[in-house]
Protein backbone atom coordinates (compact mmCIF):
# COMPACT_ATOMS: atom_id res chain seq x y z
CA MET A 1 -70.42 -9.13 192.18
CA SER A 2 -70.21 -5.72 193.88
CA HIS A 3 -70.60 -2.50 192.01
CA SER A 4 -69.59 1.21 192.93
CA THR A 5 -72.18 3.82 192.94
CA GLU A 6 -70.89 5.21 189.73
CA ASP A 7 -71.36 1.95 187.84
CA ALA A 8 -74.82 1.68 189.46
CA ASP A 9 -75.63 5.05 188.23
CA ARG A 10 -74.57 4.27 184.83
CA ARG A 11 -76.57 1.09 184.61
CA ASP A 12 -79.96 3.22 185.71
CA PHE A 13 -78.75 5.62 182.77
CA LEU A 14 -78.64 2.91 180.18
CA ARG A 15 -82.02 1.54 181.55
CA ARG A 16 -83.59 4.90 181.06
CA MET A 17 -81.85 5.04 177.43
CA LEU A 18 -83.54 1.38 176.87
CA GLY A 19 -87.08 2.74 177.90
CA LEU A 20 -87.07 5.86 175.92
CA SER A 21 -85.65 4.18 172.74
CA GLY A 22 -88.58 1.59 172.74
CA MET A 23 -86.51 -1.28 172.79
CA ALA A 24 -87.16 -4.36 174.58
CA ALA A 25 -84.86 -5.09 177.63
CA MET A 26 -83.78 -8.53 178.78
CA THR A 27 -86.27 -11.42 179.48
CA VAL A 28 -86.68 -11.27 183.33
CA ILE A 29 -85.16 -14.49 185.18
CA SER A 30 -85.22 -14.97 188.98
CA PRO A 31 -82.19 -13.37 190.45
CA SER A 32 -81.08 -16.50 191.98
CA ALA A 33 -80.32 -18.06 188.29
CA PHE A 34 -77.54 -15.68 187.78
CA ALA A 35 -74.34 -17.34 188.58
CA SER A 36 -71.39 -15.42 190.61
CA THR A 37 -68.68 -16.67 188.34
CA ALA A 38 -68.06 -15.16 185.04
CA VAL A 39 -70.42 -16.37 182.33
CA ALA A 40 -68.40 -17.39 178.97
CA VAL A 41 -69.54 -15.88 175.88
CA LYS A 42 -68.60 -18.99 173.68
CA GLY A 43 -69.73 -17.84 170.25
CA VAL A 44 -71.97 -16.01 168.12
CA ARG A 45 -74.01 -16.69 164.89
CA LEU A 46 -76.74 -15.12 162.61
CA SER A 47 -79.97 -16.04 161.17
CA GLU A 48 -81.44 -13.65 158.54
CA SER A 49 -85.35 -13.58 157.39
CA GLY A 50 -87.41 -10.82 155.80
CA GLY A 51 -85.07 -8.12 156.17
CA LYS A 52 -84.48 -8.99 159.89
CA THR A 53 -81.38 -10.00 161.44
CA ARG A 54 -81.30 -12.18 164.35
CA VAL A 55 -77.67 -12.38 166.19
CA ILE A 56 -77.38 -15.35 168.67
CA PHE A 57 -74.89 -15.51 171.31
CA ASP A 58 -74.16 -18.78 172.99
CA LEU A 59 -73.62 -18.35 176.74
CA SER A 60 -72.13 -20.88 179.67
CA GLY A 61 -75.04 -19.57 181.74
CA PRO A 62 -77.43 -16.61 182.34
CA VAL A 63 -75.93 -13.13 182.28
CA HIS A 64 -77.24 -9.56 183.44
CA HIS A 65 -76.98 -7.33 180.43
CA SER A 66 -77.76 -3.99 178.99
CA LEU A 67 -78.57 -2.94 175.40
CA PHE A 68 -78.71 0.33 173.70
CA THR A 69 -78.30 2.07 170.31
CA LEU A 70 -76.15 4.94 169.07
CA SER A 71 -76.11 7.06 165.81
CA HIS A 72 -73.52 8.41 163.72
CA PRO A 73 -72.57 5.92 163.25
CA ASP A 74 -75.31 3.57 163.67
CA ARG A 75 -74.50 0.76 166.15
CA VAL A 76 -76.04 -1.32 168.96
CA VAL A 77 -74.08 -1.73 172.35
CA ILE A 78 -74.61 -5.02 174.54
CA ASP A 79 -73.00 -4.92 177.95
CA PHE A 80 -72.55 -8.18 179.55
CA ASP A 81 -72.05 -8.12 183.28
CA ASN A 82 -69.38 -10.49 184.82
CA ALA A 83 -68.69 -12.11 181.28
CA ARG A 84 -65.85 -13.02 179.08
CA ALA A 85 -65.41 -13.96 175.40
CA THR A 86 -63.58 -17.30 175.17
CA ARG A 87 -63.23 -16.84 171.72
CA ALA A 88 -62.86 -13.86 168.98
CA LEU A 89 -66.46 -13.41 167.90
CA HIS A 90 -66.91 -12.85 164.06
CA LEU A 91 -69.88 -12.42 161.90
CA SER A 92 -70.37 -12.02 158.12
CA PRO A 93 -71.82 -8.91 157.18
CA THR A 94 -75.75 -8.65 156.16
CA PRO A 95 -77.78 -6.04 154.48
CA LEU A 96 -78.31 -4.47 157.92
CA LEU A 97 -74.92 -5.74 159.87
CA ARG A 98 -71.80 -4.29 158.94
CA ASP A 99 -69.27 -5.90 161.64
CA ILE A 100 -69.11 -7.17 165.25
CA ARG A 101 -66.43 -6.11 167.66
CA HIS A 102 -65.90 -6.67 171.43
CA ALA A 103 -63.43 -5.88 174.33
CA PRO A 104 -63.11 -6.22 178.22
CA ARG A 105 -65.13 -3.44 179.88
CA GLY A 106 -63.49 -2.81 183.32
CA HIS A 107 -61.89 -5.75 185.28
CA SER A 108 -64.82 -8.06 184.71
CA ASP A 109 -67.51 -7.24 182.03
CA LEU A 110 -67.64 -7.40 178.29
CA ARG A 111 -68.83 -4.96 175.71
CA VAL A 112 -69.92 -5.98 172.32
CA VAL A 113 -70.69 -3.52 169.49
CA LEU A 114 -72.97 -4.28 166.62
CA ASP A 115 -71.84 -2.09 163.92
CA LEU A 116 -75.02 -1.25 161.45
CA LYS A 117 -75.49 0.00 158.12
CA SER A 118 -78.40 1.87 158.78
CA ASP A 119 -80.57 2.67 161.89
CA ALA A 120 -82.20 -0.27 163.36
CA ASP A 121 -84.63 -1.20 166.08
CA ALA A 122 -82.94 -3.82 168.33
CA SER A 123 -84.56 -6.13 171.11
CA SER A 124 -83.01 -8.94 173.21
CA THR A 125 -84.25 -11.83 174.97
CA LEU A 126 -82.30 -14.10 177.39
CA ILE A 127 -83.37 -17.81 176.88
CA LYS A 128 -82.37 -21.39 178.46
CA ALA A 129 -81.66 -23.45 175.14
CA GLY A 130 -81.47 -26.94 177.11
CA GLY A 131 -79.24 -27.98 179.34
CA ALA A 132 -77.96 -26.49 182.68
CA ARG A 133 -74.98 -24.68 180.85
CA HIS A 134 -76.69 -23.65 177.76
CA TYR A 135 -78.31 -20.27 177.54
CA GLN A 136 -78.60 -17.52 174.65
CA LEU A 137 -79.06 -14.21 174.27
CA VAL A 138 -80.70 -13.51 171.21
CA VAL A 139 -80.69 -9.87 169.65
CA ASP A 140 -83.08 -9.05 167.02
CA LEU A 141 -82.25 -6.24 164.48
CA SER A 142 -85.00 -4.85 162.03
CA SER A 143 -84.41 -1.80 159.67
CA VAL A 144 -86.53 1.40 160.60
CA SER A 145 -87.18 1.56 157.11
CA VAL A 146 -88.72 -1.79 156.60
CA GLY A 147 -92.44 -1.59 155.51
CA LYS A 148 -92.21 1.92 154.93
CA PRO A 149 -92.52 3.24 151.19
CA GLN A 150 -89.05 4.21 149.75
CA PRO A 151 -89.03 7.43 147.72
CA VAL A 152 -88.24 7.27 144.18
CA ILE A 153 -84.63 8.87 143.49
CA THR A 154 -82.94 9.50 140.45
CA ALA A 155 -79.63 8.49 139.43
CA ALA A 156 -78.04 11.70 139.94
CA GLN A 157 -79.53 11.89 143.71
CA ALA A 158 -78.09 8.54 144.29
CA GLN A 159 -74.52 9.53 144.19
CA PRO A 160 -72.58 10.08 147.35
CA HIS A 161 -72.99 13.38 149.06
CA ARG A 162 -69.27 13.89 149.84
CA PRO A 163 -66.55 12.66 147.57
CA LEU A 164 -64.41 9.62 148.94
CA ARG A 165 -61.30 10.72 150.83
CA ASP A 166 -57.82 9.45 151.74
CA VAL A 167 -56.99 7.88 154.86
CA VAL A 168 -54.81 9.86 157.16
CA VAL A 169 -51.89 8.90 158.85
CA CYS A 170 -50.11 10.87 161.69
CA ILE A 171 -46.40 10.01 161.89
CA ASP A 172 -44.84 10.97 165.38
CA PRO A 173 -41.11 10.76 165.51
CA GLY A 174 -40.21 10.74 168.97
CA HIS A 175 -38.31 13.39 171.20
CA GLY A 176 -36.74 16.16 169.07
CA GLY A 177 -34.86 19.50 170.15
CA LYS A 178 -33.93 19.90 173.62
CA ASP A 179 -35.02 16.29 174.25
CA PRO A 180 -32.54 13.96 172.49
CA GLY A 181 -34.22 10.80 173.70
CA ALA A 182 -31.87 7.84 174.13
CA ILE A 183 -28.14 8.14 172.91
CA GLY A 184 -25.79 5.42 171.95
CA LYS A 185 -22.45 4.66 172.88
CA ARG A 186 -21.36 5.77 169.35
CA GLY A 187 -23.34 9.09 170.12
CA THR A 188 -26.26 8.38 167.98
CA TYR A 189 -29.17 10.16 169.14
CA GLU A 190 -32.66 8.75 169.13
CA LYS A 191 -34.21 11.96 167.91
CA THR A 192 -32.39 11.80 164.87
CA VAL A 193 -32.68 8.38 163.87
CA VAL A 194 -36.65 8.18 164.40
CA LEU A 195 -36.92 11.54 162.26
CA ASP A 196 -35.24 9.78 159.17
CA ILE A 197 -37.18 6.79 159.67
CA ALA A 198 -40.43 9.14 159.86
CA ARG A 199 -39.46 11.01 156.79
CA ARG A 200 -39.15 7.83 154.92
CA LEU A 201 -42.31 6.55 156.06
CA GLU A 202 -44.09 9.58 155.23
CA LYS A 203 -42.67 9.62 151.45
CA LEU A 204 -43.70 5.95 151.30
CA ILE A 205 -47.44 6.62 152.58
CA ASN A 206 -48.04 9.63 150.28
CA ARG A 207 -47.09 7.46 147.34
CA GLU A 208 -49.82 5.23 148.05
CA PRO A 209 -53.28 5.69 146.19
CA GLY A 210 -55.90 6.54 148.81
CA MET A 211 -53.41 7.47 151.51
CA GLN A 212 -51.72 10.52 152.86
CA ALA A 213 -49.57 11.12 155.74
CA PHE A 214 -47.97 14.07 157.90
CA MET A 215 -45.69 14.25 160.92
CA THR A 216 -46.00 15.59 164.07
CA ARG A 217 -42.46 17.27 163.78
CA ASP A 218 -40.49 17.39 160.58
CA SER A 219 -37.24 18.73 161.76
CA ASP A 220 -35.32 18.87 164.96
CA TYR A 221 -37.62 20.71 167.55
CA PHE A 222 -39.42 19.74 170.67
CA VAL A 223 -42.93 18.91 170.67
CA THR A 224 -45.10 18.27 173.87
CA LEU A 225 -46.62 14.78 174.12
CA ARG A 226 -50.23 16.45 174.42
CA GLY A 227 -49.12 18.55 171.44
CA ARG A 228 -48.50 15.64 169.50
CA LEU A 229 -51.95 14.09 170.11
CA ALA A 230 -53.72 17.86 169.45
CA LYS A 231 -51.95 17.70 166.01
CA ALA A 232 -53.27 14.52 165.32
CA ARG A 233 -56.82 15.39 166.26
CA LYS A 234 -56.60 18.66 164.38
CA ARG A 235 -55.78 16.78 161.24
CA ARG A 236 -58.55 14.22 161.73
CA ALA A 237 -56.00 11.49 161.56
CA ASP A 238 -57.25 7.69 161.16
CA LEU A 239 -54.19 6.35 162.81
CA PHE A 240 -51.32 7.57 164.93
CA VAL A 241 -47.80 5.91 164.60
CA SER A 242 -45.20 6.69 166.94
CA ILE A 243 -41.50 6.05 166.13
CA HIS A 244 -38.80 5.42 168.84
CA ALA A 245 -35.70 3.52 169.73
CA ASP A 246 -35.48 1.57 172.79
CA ALA A 247 -32.63 1.68 175.37
CA SER A 248 -31.55 -0.43 178.33
CA PRO A 249 -28.82 -0.12 181.27
CA TYR A 250 -27.50 -3.27 179.79
CA ARG A 251 -25.92 -3.95 176.38
CA TYR A 252 -27.77 -7.31 175.31
CA PRO A 253 -31.30 -6.70 175.11
CA LYS A 254 -32.26 -6.23 171.39
CA GLY A 255 -35.10 -6.44 169.01
CA SER A 256 -38.37 -4.39 168.12
CA THR A 257 -41.58 -3.93 170.38
CA VAL A 258 -44.93 -2.79 169.50
CA TYR A 259 -47.01 -1.04 172.07
CA VAL A 260 -50.57 0.00 172.28
CA LEU A 261 -52.61 1.43 175.07
CA SER A 262 -53.19 -0.21 178.36
CA GLU A 263 -56.39 -0.40 180.25
CA HIS A 264 -55.03 1.65 183.01
CA GLY A 265 -53.74 4.25 180.53
CA ALA A 266 -57.21 4.47 179.05
CA SER A 267 -59.01 4.53 182.48
CA SER A 268 -56.92 7.81 183.43
CA GLU A 269 -57.42 9.52 180.10
CA ALA A 270 -61.14 8.93 180.36
CA ALA A 271 -60.95 10.52 183.97
CA ARG A 272 -59.09 13.41 182.76
CA LEU A 273 -61.33 14.30 179.52
CA LEU A 274 -64.35 14.00 181.86
CA ALA A 275 -62.68 16.19 184.36
CA GLU A 276 -61.62 18.71 181.79
CA ARG A 277 -64.42 18.70 179.12
CA GLN A 278 -63.76 21.88 177.23
CA ASN A 279 -62.96 23.21 173.94
CA ASP A 280 -62.62 21.47 170.84
CA VAL A 281 -60.18 18.90 172.09
CA ASP A 282 -62.81 17.22 174.06
CA ARG A 283 -64.42 16.16 171.00
CA VAL A 284 -64.83 12.35 171.00
CA ALA A 285 -65.86 10.35 168.07
CA GLY A 286 -67.36 13.60 166.60
CA VAL A 287 -69.31 14.36 169.79
CA ASN A 288 -68.63 17.60 171.87
CA LEU A 289 -68.62 16.54 175.50
CA SER A 290 -68.58 19.89 176.73
CA ASN A 291 -72.42 20.21 176.66
CA LYS A 292 -73.02 16.80 178.08
CA ASP A 293 -73.62 15.48 181.67
CA ASN A 294 -71.20 13.38 183.56
CA LEU A 295 -73.03 10.08 182.92
CA VAL A 296 -73.69 10.79 179.12
CA ALA A 297 -69.99 11.81 178.58
CA SER A 298 -68.85 8.93 180.73
CA VAL A 299 -70.83 6.54 178.38
CA LEU A 300 -69.69 8.25 175.18
CA VAL A 301 -65.81 8.29 176.30
CA ASP A 302 -66.18 4.40 176.97
CA LEU A 303 -67.80 3.36 174.12
CA ALA A 304 -65.03 5.36 172.13
CA GLN A 305 -62.19 3.99 173.98
CA SER A 306 -63.33 0.43 173.77
CA ALA A 307 -63.64 0.53 170.02
CA THR A 308 -60.11 2.44 169.74
CA ARG A 309 -58.50 -0.09 171.93
CA GLU A 310 -59.64 -2.94 169.94
CA ALA A 311 -58.48 -1.11 166.57
CA SER A 312 -55.25 -0.17 168.19
CA PHE A 313 -54.36 -3.74 168.87
CA LYS A 314 -55.27 -5.04 165.52
CA LEU A 315 -53.32 -2.20 164.11
CA GLY A 316 -50.23 -3.25 166.75
CA ASP A 317 -50.74 -6.96 165.52
CA LYS A 318 -50.16 -6.05 161.85
CA LEU A 319 -47.06 -3.80 162.56
CA LYS A 320 -45.57 -6.66 164.58
CA GLY A 321 -46.13 -9.18 161.90
CA SER A 322 -44.63 -6.95 159.26
CA ILE A 323 -41.51 -5.63 161.40
CA ASP A 324 -40.53 -9.10 162.16
CA ARG A 325 -39.57 -9.72 158.45
CA VAL A 326 -36.98 -7.04 159.07
CA ILE A 327 -35.80 -7.30 162.59
CA ARG A 328 -36.40 -10.00 165.20
CA MET A 329 -39.22 -8.84 167.93
CA HIS A 330 -37.84 -8.24 171.34
CA SER A 331 -41.46 -9.28 172.33
CA ASN A 332 -43.41 -11.76 170.44
CA THR A 333 -46.82 -10.04 171.89
CA VAL A 334 -48.00 -6.67 171.44
CA GLU A 335 -47.32 -4.89 174.68
CA ARG A 336 -49.43 -2.66 176.47
CA ALA A 337 -48.34 0.44 178.29
CA ALA A 338 -49.66 3.90 179.46
CA PHE A 339 -47.71 6.21 177.13
CA VAL A 340 -49.31 9.69 176.61
CA VAL A 341 -49.16 9.56 172.93
CA LEU A 342 -51.27 6.59 172.56
CA LYS A 343 -54.08 8.08 174.54
CA SER A 344 -56.27 9.47 171.69
CA PRO A 345 -59.79 8.19 172.80
CA ASP A 346 -60.91 7.86 169.04
CA ILE A 347 -57.57 7.34 166.99
CA PRO A 348 -56.09 4.12 166.74
CA SER A 349 -52.47 4.38 167.97
CA ALA A 350 -49.24 2.36 168.27
CA LEU A 351 -45.96 3.12 169.50
CA ILE A 352 -42.82 1.05 167.85
CA GLU A 353 -39.62 0.73 169.58
CA THR A 354 -37.53 -0.10 166.27
CA ALA A 355 -34.48 -1.54 167.82
CA PHE A 356 -32.22 -0.86 171.03
CA ILE A 357 -29.90 1.87 170.57
CA SER A 358 -28.26 0.75 173.74
CA ASN A 359 -27.22 -2.40 171.86
CA PRO A 360 -23.91 -1.90 170.07
CA ALA A 361 -24.67 -4.13 167.03
CA GLU A 362 -28.53 -2.44 166.59
CA GLU A 363 -26.92 1.11 167.12
CA ARG A 364 -24.80 0.29 164.18
CA ARG A 365 -27.87 -0.92 162.29
CA LEU A 366 -30.03 2.26 163.07
CA ARG A 367 -26.89 4.39 161.64
CA THR A 368 -27.42 2.76 158.19
CA PRO A 369 -29.84 4.40 155.72
CA ARG A 370 -30.47 0.58 154.55
CA PHE A 371 -32.01 -0.42 157.78
CA ARG A 372 -33.75 2.87 158.26
CA ALA A 373 -35.38 2.29 154.94
CA SER A 374 -36.10 -1.45 155.60
CA MET A 375 -37.79 -0.42 158.84
CA ALA A 376 -40.03 2.33 156.99
CA GLY A 377 -40.87 -0.29 154.59
CA ALA A 378 -42.04 -2.59 157.12
CA LEU A 379 -44.19 0.10 159.01
CA LEU A 380 -45.92 0.94 155.81
CA GLY A 381 -46.68 -2.89 155.22
CA GLY A 382 -48.31 -3.01 158.58
CA ILE A 383 -50.28 -0.04 158.06
CA LYS A 384 -51.55 -1.34 154.66
CA ASP A 385 -52.33 -4.50 156.07
CA TYR A 386 -54.68 -2.98 158.72
CA PHE A 387 -56.45 -0.67 156.13
CA GLU A 388 -57.20 -3.52 154.08
CA HIS A 389 -59.57 -4.69 156.51
CA HIS A 390 -60.24 -1.77 158.65
CA ALA A 391 -60.40 1.48 156.37
CA PRO A 392 -62.89 4.21 157.74
CA PRO A 393 -66.36 4.45 155.85
CA GLY A 394 -66.36 7.06 153.13
CA THR A 395 -62.29 6.50 152.09
CA ILE A 396 -61.10 5.33 149.02
CA LEU A 397 -59.65 2.36 150.51
CA ALA A 398 -62.82 1.22 152.25
CA GLU A 399 -64.71 1.44 148.81
CA ARG A 400 -61.94 -0.24 147.05
CA GLY A 401 -62.08 -3.26 149.35
CA ARG A 402 -65.89 -3.30 149.19
CA VAL A 403 -65.80 -3.56 145.47
CA LEU A 404 -63.17 -6.27 145.73
CA ARG A 405 -65.31 -8.29 148.40
CA GLU A 406 -68.39 -8.07 146.06
CA PHE A 407 -66.88 -8.49 142.56
CA GLY A 408 -63.66 -10.28 143.26
């Protein structure tokens, strides 16, 4: 497997991070043991003992990997070289581990992130578990507070420092003003249709306890694509949902499509952020990139984008399932594209083509208040389904979900 100079520099940086943080790197295995073909990560499991958590990855062969920790929020990042997950990786929460997530990294690598409930020491060991194709990567996690005397606190001191907040949804009605978007045969403007759906969705969301919404435009005026992203970031949105109506040179295409950001779109946006790195717009996941060197900034952007792309796909899947109850899907999968409005590196985002305005039958549906109301309801349903399991920590919905899981 060949690596560019930039990839080699990044790996050297990660190794330095490992040395500085005092974490154990992988067990040294002879280079000849590592296969040239992609290693399959076949599954993951847990063992828990004495306040320590052991995460065991079952592998089809030996694998080069890097491991490091990050804070705010606390997490452990494991990068597998030339590897792929053959199935979704799931783990039950432990007193230390909150969740696991994973996503492809580049064209051939795999990144796994262990979300933690508190700061922890982490070490990794690669072992041969028997059989020519049976290896394991063992990651040991131990809370940094284990063995330390715990201070006595009062009930008042134990209360959260910050009140729980609502989740914030940015609704983006496409086009507007001088940009009408697509125009149907009966003169229906896309910008008008999607604004009405967005207004309905905003009202529905704002009626939901623990949720609030705002729009990138609330009437018929033009907003640049980057301006829409800036509005979402300024209001610290937890989700970004862009609403459009599709068009085709032909009359017969029909149905709805949900898009999330493609890998190419993420790569180009990462390059833009790293090139510009100035002002508050370059804060990614709460970290200002302007005071970071290129290598550190690159790692931070890469981490943020990997997590956001995975969350965006989960959002898109929930939206697709909900919309499919209102109108048949033009595509049965969540599609990926490099739309500019999907490029926020730390806000899960999806773009919905509600129907084909170029199809006479669907144009008629788009013109009716009934269909617009149904579409707004479907979008709300998908958003609620997403937040049921992925509400950000510190929100009313996250706390409600925790209570339901713990106490039924």
